[in-house]
Amino acid sequence: MNNIDKLLKRGQWQEAFLQARINMEESLKELNDFFIDQYKVYEEHRDDDPEIDDTAGIWYDAFINSSTVKFLPSINNLLKVFGKAINEIDNVDAVVNFDAELEDIRDTINSLLQEEDD
């Protein structure tokens, strides 16, 4: 169980939000480094023979690690906090007021999972 889950279990969704925000900002900063600052490194080496120079492969592995270790869990934690906050504030599940937005998120996730299956 991560810190966000522990805070939510204790009903401390405000503190959980602050932690989720910090985690998200750190994750976005790291992804920005890949997408903006270092992407040219990948572009310069993506056609290289990996037996000779695997810079592109190393870059890609680091990007994937950053995404799966930090960014995706940060999104998940923020959604958990969002759901808990809506429930506490409005005494309803988030899906009652945000069904279209949540369905769009679900569709995006399903699309990513479908790409994995292909």
N, C-alpha and C. Protein backbone atom coordinates (compact mmCIF):
# COMPACT_ATOMS: atom_id res chain seq x y z
N MET A 1 0.85 -1.17 0.00
CA MET A 1 0.00 0.00 0.00
C MET A 1 0.90 1.24 0.00
N ASN A 2 0.65 2.16 -0.94
CA ASN A 2 1.49 3.36 -1.01
C ASN A 2 0.96 4.44 -0.06
N ASN A 3 1.71 5.53 0.05
CA ASN A 3 1.36 6.61 0.99
C ASN A 3 -0.01 7.22 0.68
N ILE A 4 -0.33 7.38 -0.60
CA ILE A 4 -1.61 7.95 -0.98
C ILE A 4 -2.74 7.05 -0.47
N ASP A 5 -2.61 5.75 -0.70
CA ASP A 5 -3.62 4.81 -0.25
C ASP A 5 -3.78 4.86 1.27
N LYS A 6 -2.67 4.96 1.98
CA LYS A 6 -2.73 5.03 3.45
C LYS A 6 -3.46 6.28 3.91
N LEU A 7 -3.13 7.41 3.29
CA LEU A 7 -3.80 8.66 3.65
C LEU A 7 -5.30 8.60 3.35
N LEU A 8 -5.65 8.05 2.20
CA LEU A 8 -7.06 7.93 1.84
C LEU A 8 -7.80 7.00 2.79
N LYS A 9 -7.15 5.93 3.20
CA LYS A 9 -7.77 4.97 4.12
C LYS A 9 -8.08 5.65 5.46
N ARG A 10 -7.22 6.60 5.85
CA ARG A 10 -7.43 7.33 7.10
C ARG A 10 -8.36 8.53 6.92
N GLY A 11 -8.86 8.73 5.69
CA GLY A 11 -9.76 9.86 5.43
C GLY A 11 -9.05 11.18 5.23
N GLN A 12 -7.77 11.15 5.02
CA GLN A 12 -6.98 12.38 4.86
C GLN A 12 -6.76 12.70 3.37
N TRP A 13 -7.88 12.91 2.66
CA TRP A 13 -7.78 13.11 1.22
C TRP A 13 -7.10 14.43 0.86
N GLN A 14 -7.19 15.46 1.72
CA GLN A 14 -6.51 16.72 1.42
C GLN A 14 -5.00 16.52 1.41
N GLU A 15 -4.49 15.81 2.41
CA GLU A 15 -3.06 15.53 2.47
C GLU A 15 -2.64 14.61 1.32
N ALA A 16 -3.53 13.67 1.00
CA ALA A 16 -3.26 12.77 -0.12
C ALA A 16 -3.19 13.56 -1.42
N PHE A 17 -4.06 14.56 -1.56
CA PHE A 17 -4.02 15.40 -2.76
C PHE A 17 -2.69 16.13 -2.87
N LEU A 18 -2.24 16.70 -1.77
CA LEU A 18 -0.96 17.43 -1.80
C LEU A 18 0.18 16.50 -2.22
N GLN A 19 0.21 15.28 -1.69
CA GLN A 19 1.24 14.32 -2.06
C GLN A 19 1.09 13.89 -3.52
N ALA A 20 -0.14 13.66 -3.96
CA ALA A 20 -0.38 13.26 -5.35
C ALA A 20 0.06 14.38 -6.30
N ARG A 21 -0.21 15.61 -5.92
CA ARG A 21 0.21 16.75 -6.75
C ARG A 21 1.73 16.82 -6.87
N ILE A 22 2.41 16.67 -5.77
CA ILE A 22 3.88 16.68 -5.79
C ILE A 22 4.40 15.56 -6.68
N ASN A 23 3.84 14.35 -6.50
CA ASN A 23 4.27 13.21 -7.33
C ASN A 23 4.03 13.47 -8.81
N MET A 24 2.87 14.04 -9.13
CA MET A 24 2.54 14.32 -10.52
C MET A 24 3.49 15.37 -11.10
N GLU A 25 3.77 16.41 -10.35
CA GLU A 25 4.68 17.45 -10.83
C GLU A 25 6.07 16.88 -11.08
N GLU A 26 6.55 16.04 -10.18
CA GLU A 26 7.86 15.42 -10.36
C GLU A 26 7.87 14.52 -11.60
N SER A 27 6.80 13.77 -11.78
CA SER A 27 6.70 12.87 -12.93
C SER A 27 6.65 13.66 -14.23
N LEU A 28 5.86 14.71 -14.26
CA LEU A 28 5.76 15.53 -15.47
C LEU A 28 7.09 16.21 -15.78
N LYS A 29 7.80 16.64 -14.74
CA LYS A 29 9.11 17.26 -14.96
C LYS A 29 10.07 16.26 -15.59
N GLU A 30 10.05 15.05 -15.09
CA GLU A 30 10.93 14.01 -15.64
C GLU A 30 10.55 13.66 -17.08
N LEU A 31 9.26 13.53 -17.36
CA LEU A 31 8.82 13.25 -18.72
C LEU A 31 9.14 14.41 -19.65
N ASN A 32 9.04 15.63 -19.16
CA ASN A 32 9.41 16.79 -19.95
C ASN A 32 10.86 16.69 -20.41
N ASP A 33 11.70 16.20 -19.52
CA ASP A 33 13.11 16.03 -19.87
C ASP A 33 13.24 15.08 -21.06
N PHE A 34 12.48 14.01 -21.05
CA PHE A 34 12.54 13.07 -22.17
C PHE A 34 11.93 13.66 -23.44
N PHE A 35 10.73 14.19 -23.32
CA PHE A 35 10.01 14.66 -24.51
C PHE A 35 10.63 15.91 -25.13
N ILE A 36 11.07 16.82 -24.32
CA ILE A 36 11.53 18.11 -24.82
C ILE A 36 13.05 18.16 -24.90
N ASP A 37 13.72 17.89 -23.81
CA ASP A 37 15.16 18.10 -23.74
C ASP A 37 15.98 16.98 -24.37
N GLN A 38 15.52 15.74 -24.28
CA GLN A 38 16.35 14.63 -24.74
C GLN A 38 15.83 13.90 -25.96
N TYR A 39 14.66 14.27 -26.47
CA TYR A 39 14.11 13.53 -27.59
C TYR A 39 15.03 13.58 -28.80
N LYS A 40 15.74 14.69 -28.97
CA LYS A 40 16.65 14.79 -30.12
C LYS A 40 17.74 13.72 -30.06
N VAL A 41 18.13 13.30 -28.86
CA VAL A 41 19.11 12.22 -28.72
C VAL A 41 18.53 10.94 -29.32
N TYR A 42 17.27 10.66 -28.99
CA TYR A 42 16.63 9.48 -29.55
C TYR A 42 16.53 9.58 -31.07
N GLU A 43 16.07 10.73 -31.57
CA GLU A 43 15.94 10.91 -33.01
C GLU A 43 17.26 10.71 -33.75
N GLU A 44 18.33 11.20 -33.16
CA GLU A 44 19.65 11.10 -33.80
C GLU A 44 20.14 9.66 -33.87
N HIS A 45 19.68 8.81 -32.99
CA HIS A 45 20.21 7.44 -32.89
C HIS A 45 19.21 6.33 -33.19
N ARG A 46 17.98 6.68 -33.50
CA ARG A 46 16.96 5.62 -33.64
C ARG A 46 17.21 4.67 -34.80
N ASP A 47 17.94 5.11 -35.81
CA ASP A 47 18.23 4.25 -36.96
C ASP A 47 19.60 3.56 -36.86
N ASP A 48 20.30 3.82 -35.76
CA ASP A 48 21.62 3.19 -35.56
C ASP A 48 21.47 1.69 -35.34
N ASP A 49 22.48 0.97 -35.73
CA ASP A 49 22.52 -0.47 -35.46
C ASP A 49 22.77 -0.65 -33.96
N PRO A 50 21.83 -1.28 -33.23
CA PRO A 50 22.00 -1.42 -31.78
C PRO A 50 23.23 -2.24 -31.38
N GLU A 51 23.72 -3.05 -32.30
CA GLU A 51 24.95 -3.81 -32.01
C GLU A 51 26.16 -2.88 -31.92
N ILE A 52 26.07 -1.74 -32.60
CA ILE A 52 27.19 -0.78 -32.62
C ILE A 52 26.95 0.35 -31.61
N ASP A 53 25.74 0.91 -31.65
CA ASP A 53 25.41 2.03 -30.76
C ASP A 53 23.95 1.89 -30.34
N ASP A 54 23.72 1.57 -29.09
CA ASP A 54 22.36 1.35 -28.60
C ASP A 54 21.84 2.55 -27.80
N THR A 55 22.27 3.75 -28.16
CA THR A 55 21.82 4.95 -27.46
C THR A 55 20.30 5.06 -27.50
N ALA A 56 19.69 4.81 -28.66
CA ALA A 56 18.24 4.90 -28.79
C ALA A 56 17.55 3.89 -27.88
N GLY A 57 18.05 2.69 -27.82
CA GLY A 57 17.47 1.67 -26.95
C GLY A 57 17.57 2.03 -25.48
N ILE A 58 18.69 2.57 -25.09
CA ILE A 58 18.89 2.98 -23.70
C ILE A 58 17.95 4.13 -23.36
N TRP A 59 17.83 5.11 -24.29
CA TRP A 59 16.91 6.23 -24.09
C TRP A 59 15.48 5.72 -23.95
N TYR A 60 15.09 4.82 -24.83
CA TYR A 60 13.72 4.28 -24.82
C TYR A 60 13.45 3.54 -23.50
N ASP A 61 14.38 2.73 -23.05
CA ASP A 61 14.20 2.01 -21.79
C ASP A 61 14.06 2.97 -20.62
N ALA A 62 14.85 4.04 -20.61
CA ALA A 62 14.75 5.03 -19.54
C ALA A 62 13.40 5.75 -19.58
N PHE A 63 12.93 6.06 -20.79
CA PHE A 63 11.62 6.70 -20.94
C PHE A 63 10.52 5.79 -20.42
N ILE A 64 10.54 4.54 -20.82
CA ILE A 64 9.53 3.58 -20.38
C ILE A 64 9.56 3.41 -18.86
N ASN A 65 10.75 3.30 -18.30
CA ASN A 65 10.87 3.17 -16.85
C ASN A 65 10.28 4.37 -16.14
N SER A 66 10.58 5.56 -16.65
CA SER A 66 10.04 6.78 -16.05
C SER A 66 8.53 6.79 -16.13
N SER A 67 8.00 6.37 -17.25
CA SER A 67 6.55 6.37 -17.45
C SER A 67 5.86 5.38 -16.53
N THR A 68 6.38 4.16 -16.48
CA THR A 68 5.68 3.12 -15.73
C THR A 68 5.97 3.13 -14.24
N VAL A 69 7.12 3.65 -13.87
CA VAL A 69 7.48 3.65 -12.45
C VAL A 69 6.91 4.88 -11.75
N LYS A 70 6.82 6.02 -12.46
CA LYS A 70 6.40 7.25 -11.80
C LYS A 70 5.11 7.83 -12.36
N PHE A 71 5.07 8.05 -13.66
CA PHE A 71 3.99 8.83 -14.23
C PHE A 71 2.63 8.12 -14.15
N LEU A 72 2.55 6.90 -14.62
CA LEU A 72 1.27 6.20 -14.59
C LEU A 72 0.76 5.99 -13.17
N PRO A 73 1.61 5.60 -12.20
CA PRO A 73 1.11 5.52 -10.83
C PRO A 73 0.65 6.88 -10.28
N SER A 74 1.31 7.96 -10.71
CA SER A 74 0.89 9.29 -10.27
C SER A 74 -0.50 9.62 -10.78
N ILE A 75 -0.78 9.28 -12.03
CA ILE A 75 -2.12 9.49 -12.58
C ILE A 75 -3.14 8.68 -11.78
N ASN A 76 -2.82 7.43 -11.54
CA ASN A 76 -3.73 6.56 -10.79
C ASN A 76 -4.00 7.13 -9.39
N ASN A 77 -2.96 7.57 -8.72
CA ASN A 77 -3.14 8.13 -7.38
C ASN A 77 -4.00 9.39 -7.40
N LEU A 78 -3.79 10.23 -8.40
CA LEU A 78 -4.58 11.45 -8.51
C LEU A 78 -6.05 11.12 -8.74
N LEU A 79 -6.33 10.11 -9.54
CA LEU A 79 -7.71 9.69 -9.77
C LEU A 79 -8.34 9.14 -8.48
N LYS A 80 -7.56 8.39 -7.70
CA LYS A 80 -8.07 7.89 -6.43
C LYS A 80 -8.44 9.04 -5.49
N VAL A 81 -7.57 10.04 -5.42
CA VAL A 81 -7.83 11.20 -4.57
C VAL A 81 -9.07 11.94 -5.06
N PHE A 82 -9.17 12.12 -6.36
CA PHE A 82 -10.31 12.78 -6.97
C PHE A 82 -11.61 12.08 -6.56
N GLY A 83 -11.62 10.78 -6.70
CA GLY A 83 -12.82 10.02 -6.35
C GLY A 83 -13.18 10.16 -4.89
N LYS A 84 -12.19 10.09 -4.02
CA LYS A 84 -12.43 10.21 -2.58
C LYS A 84 -12.92 11.62 -2.23
N ALA A 85 -12.32 12.64 -2.83
CA ALA A 85 -12.72 14.02 -2.56
C ALA A 85 -14.16 14.26 -2.99
N ILE A 86 -14.52 13.79 -4.18
CA ILE A 86 -15.89 13.97 -4.66
C ILE A 86 -16.87 13.28 -3.71
N ASN A 87 -16.51 12.10 -3.26
CA ASN A 87 -17.38 11.36 -2.35
C ASN A 87 -17.54 12.12 -1.03
N GLU A 88 -16.46 12.67 -0.52
CA GLU A 88 -16.50 13.39 0.76
C GLU A 88 -17.27 14.71 0.62
N ILE A 89 -17.05 15.43 -0.47
CA ILE A 89 -17.67 16.74 -0.65
C ILE A 89 -19.15 16.62 -1.00
N ASP A 90 -19.47 15.69 -1.89
CA ASP A 90 -20.82 15.63 -2.45
C ASP A 90 -21.60 14.39 -2.00
N ASN A 91 -20.96 13.52 -1.25
CA ASN A 91 -21.58 12.26 -0.81
C ASN A 91 -22.10 11.40 -1.96
N VAL A 92 -21.46 11.50 -3.11
CA VAL A 92 -21.80 10.65 -4.25
C VAL A 92 -20.51 10.16 -4.89
N ASP A 93 -20.63 9.11 -5.65
CA ASP A 93 -19.48 8.63 -6.40
C ASP A 93 -19.17 9.60 -7.53
N ALA A 94 -17.91 9.73 -7.87
CA ALA A 94 -17.49 10.65 -8.93
C ALA A 94 -18.19 10.37 -10.24
N VAL A 95 -18.54 9.13 -10.49
CA VAL A 95 -19.15 8.77 -11.76
C VAL A 95 -20.51 9.46 -11.95
N VAL A 96 -21.18 9.83 -10.86
CA VAL A 96 -22.48 10.47 -10.98
C VAL A 96 -22.38 11.82 -11.69
N ASN A 97 -21.37 12.60 -11.36
CA ASN A 97 -21.21 13.93 -11.94
C ASN A 97 -20.21 14.01 -13.09
N PHE A 98 -19.37 13.02 -13.22
CA PHE A 98 -18.29 13.09 -14.20
C PHE A 98 -18.26 11.88 -15.11
N ASP A 99 -19.42 11.33 -15.41
CA ASP A 99 -19.46 10.10 -16.18
C ASP A 99 -18.87 10.27 -17.58
N ALA A 100 -19.13 11.38 -18.26
CA ALA A 100 -18.59 11.57 -19.62
C ALA A 100 -17.07 11.66 -19.59
N GLU A 101 -16.54 12.41 -18.64
CA GLU A 101 -15.09 12.58 -18.53
C GLU A 101 -14.41 11.25 -18.16
N LEU A 102 -15.02 10.54 -17.22
CA LEU A 102 -14.45 9.27 -16.80
C LEU A 102 -14.53 8.22 -17.91
N GLU A 103 -15.61 8.25 -18.68
CA GLU A 103 -15.71 7.33 -19.82
C GLU A 103 -14.63 7.65 -20.86
N ASP A 104 -14.33 8.92 -21.04
CA ASP A 104 -13.27 9.31 -21.98
C ASP A 104 -11.92 8.78 -21.49
N ILE A 105 -11.67 8.88 -20.19
CA ILE A 105 -10.44 8.33 -19.62
C ILE A 105 -10.40 6.82 -19.80
N ARG A 106 -11.51 6.16 -19.55
CA ARG A 106 -11.59 4.71 -19.73
C ARG A 106 -11.31 4.34 -21.19
N ASP A 107 -11.89 5.11 -22.12
CA ASP A 107 -11.66 4.84 -23.55
C ASP A 107 -10.19 4.99 -23.91
N THR A 108 -9.54 5.99 -23.34
CA THR A 108 -8.11 6.19 -23.59
C THR A 108 -7.30 5.01 -23.07
N ILE A 109 -7.62 4.57 -21.86
CA ILE A 109 -6.93 3.43 -21.27
C ILE A 109 -7.18 2.17 -22.09
N ASN A 110 -8.42 1.97 -22.47
CA ASN A 110 -8.74 0.80 -23.30
C ASN A 110 -7.99 0.83 -24.63
N SER A 111 -7.84 2.01 -25.20
CA SER A 111 -7.09 2.14 -26.46
C SER A 111 -5.63 1.75 -26.26
N LEU A 112 -5.05 2.21 -25.15
CA LEU A 112 -3.66 1.84 -24.85
C LEU A 112 -3.52 0.34 -24.64
N LEU A 113 -4.47 -0.24 -23.94
CA LEU A 113 -4.43 -1.69 -23.71
C LEU A 113 -4.64 -2.46 -25.00
N GLN A 114 -5.48 -1.95 -25.87
CA GLN A 114 -5.71 -2.60 -27.17
C GLN A 114 -4.44 -2.60 -28.00
N GLU A 115 -3.70 -1.49 -27.97
CA GLU A 115 -2.43 -1.42 -28.70
C GLU A 115 -1.46 -2.47 -28.19
N GLU A 116 -1.50 -2.74 -26.89
CA GLU A 116 -0.63 -3.75 -26.29
C GLU A 116 -0.97 -5.14 -26.80
N ASP A 117 -2.26 -5.41 -26.99
CA ASP A 117 -2.70 -6.71 -27.45
C ASP A 117 -2.38 -6.95 -28.93
N ASP A 118 -2.27 -5.88 -29.70
CA ASP A 118 -2.02 -6.02 -31.15
C ASP A 118 -0.64 -6.49 -31.48
